[in-house]
């Protein structure tokens, strides 16, 4: 039998996996939707989403680690915005499935 083996070089990067993990939580997706139009501070995000700052901080940390959002501090406030280059990476990864993944029938299994 012949098995297709993936090498570690073929596997998705840790950052790519972190990006999809970050997108798997509805609240984080809502944050990204809000940041589509403009930069927002934590207080605005909390108010719009109706969540506490401690809950939001956990989700913002996940989004930052996945490089989907970036932050900047101005005075005592932290402002968040989209980090667009990482969205391009995720988009290109998904586009490769459409372009380069022919769906071939499975090889017959034998007992």
Protein backbone atom coordinates (compact mmCIF):
# COMPACT_ATOMS: atom_id res chain seq x y z
CA UNK A 1 0.00 0.00 0.00
CA UNK A 2 1.14 3.48 -0.70
CA UNK A 3 0.43 6.27 1.79
CA UNK A 4 0.93 9.92 1.12
CA UNK A 5 3.21 11.28 3.78
CA UNK A 6 3.27 14.92 4.69
CA UNK A 7 6.53 16.36 5.86
CA UNK A 8 6.64 19.03 8.53
CA UNK A 9 7.46 21.51 5.77
CA UNK A 10 4.08 20.69 4.18
CA UNK A 11 2.08 21.23 7.34
CA UNK A 12 0.45 24.57 8.12
CA UNK A 13 2.50 26.94 10.26
CA UNK A 14 1.73 27.59 13.91
CA UNK A 15 0.65 31.14 13.05
CA UNK A 16 -1.74 29.88 10.38
CA UNK A 17 -3.28 27.45 12.85
CA UNK A 18 -3.54 30.22 15.46
CA UNK A 19 -5.40 32.35 12.91
CA UNK A 20 -8.03 29.72 12.28
CA UNK A 21 -8.30 28.98 16.00
CA UNK A 22 -8.91 32.68 16.66
CA UNK A 23 -11.66 32.69 14.03
CA UNK A 24 -13.43 29.74 15.68
CA UNK A 25 -14.93 31.85 18.49
CA UNK A 26 -18.02 33.98 17.68
CA UNK A 27 -17.05 36.86 19.99
CA UNK A 28 -13.66 37.17 18.30
CA UNK A 29 -15.33 37.24 14.89
CA UNK A 30 -17.62 40.01 16.19
CA UNK A 31 -14.55 41.99 17.28
CA UNK A 32 -13.06 41.61 13.81
CA UNK A 33 -16.32 42.74 12.21
CA UNK A 34 -16.33 45.87 14.39
CA UNK A 35 -12.72 46.64 13.50
CA UNK A 36 -13.46 46.38 9.76
CA UNK A 37 -14.46 50.03 9.56
CA UNK A 38 -12.21 51.72 12.08
CA UNK A 39 -9.87 51.43 14.99
CA UNK A 40 -11.62 51.12 18.37
CA UNK A 41 -10.52 51.34 21.98
CA UNK A 42 -11.20 48.59 24.48
CA UNK A 43 -13.88 50.63 26.23
CA UNK A 44 -15.82 51.05 22.96
CA UNK A 45 -15.53 47.35 22.14
CA UNK A 46 -16.77 46.37 25.63
CA UNK A 47 -19.73 48.72 25.37
CA UNK A 48 -20.76 47.63 21.88
CA UNK A 49 -20.35 43.91 22.64
CA UNK A 50 -21.81 44.08 26.15
CA UNK A 51 -18.90 42.21 27.74
CA UNK A 52 -16.55 42.94 30.60
CA UNK A 53 -13.03 44.16 29.96
CA UNK A 54 -11.55 41.02 31.51
CA UNK A 55 -13.53 38.75 29.16
CA UNK A 56 -12.65 40.87 26.14
CA UNK A 57 -8.97 41.02 27.10
CA UNK A 58 -8.69 37.23 26.82
CA UNK A 59 -10.15 37.30 23.31
CA UNK A 60 -8.06 40.27 22.20
CA UNK A 61 -4.93 38.46 23.40
CA UNK A 62 -5.86 35.46 21.23
CA UNK A 63 -6.46 37.72 18.22
CA UNK A 64 -3.14 39.50 18.77
CA UNK A 65 -1.22 36.22 19.10
CA UNK A 66 -2.77 35.13 15.79
CA UNK A 67 -1.65 38.47 14.28
CA UNK A 68 -5.24 39.29 13.27
CA UNK A 69 -5.32 42.51 15.29
CA UNK A 70 -2.71 44.97 16.41
CA UNK A 71 -2.79 47.47 19.23
CA UNK A 72 -1.39 50.84 20.00
CA UNK A 73 -1.44 52.76 23.22
CA UNK A 74 -2.37 56.41 23.39
CA UNK A 75 -2.28 57.77 26.90
CA UNK A 76 -4.10 55.31 29.12
CA UNK A 77 -6.17 53.85 26.27
CA UNK A 78 -5.35 50.93 24.01
CA UNK A 79 -6.71 51.05 20.49
CA UNK A 80 -7.16 47.98 18.29
CA UNK A 81 -7.24 47.64 14.52
CA UNK A 82 -7.06 44.83 11.98
CA UNK A 83 -3.63 43.48 11.07
CA UNK A 84 -4.41 42.94 7.38
CA UNK A 85 -1.29 41.03 6.22
CA UNK A 86 -2.32 37.97 8.27
CA UNK A 87 -5.75 37.97 6.62
CA UNK A 88 -3.96 37.73 3.27
CA UNK A 89 -2.03 34.69 4.53
CA UNK A 90 -5.24 32.94 5.62
CA UNK A 91 -6.98 33.85 2.37
CA UNK A 92 -4.12 32.52 0.24
CA UNK A 93 -4.01 29.28 2.23
CA UNK A 94 -7.72 28.67 1.61
CA UNK A 95 -7.48 29.69 -2.05
CA UNK A 96 -4.92 26.94 -2.64
CA UNK A 97 -7.55 24.32 -1.80
CA UNK A 98 -9.74 25.65 -4.59
CA UNK A 99 -6.95 25.94 -7.13
CA UNK A 100 -4.66 22.99 -6.42
CA UNK A 101 -6.69 20.25 -4.74
CA UNK A 102 -8.29 17.89 -7.21
CA UNK A 103 -10.73 15.58 -5.49
CA UNK A 104 -9.56 12.14 -6.45
CA UNK A 105 -11.42 8.93 -5.62
CA UNK A 106 -10.03 6.91 -2.75
CA UNK A 107 -7.90 3.85 -3.41
CA UNK A 108 -9.83 0.66 -2.71
CA UNK A 109 -9.36 -0.75 0.78
CA UNK A 110 -8.52 -4.40 1.17
CA UNK A 111 -8.93 -6.52 4.28
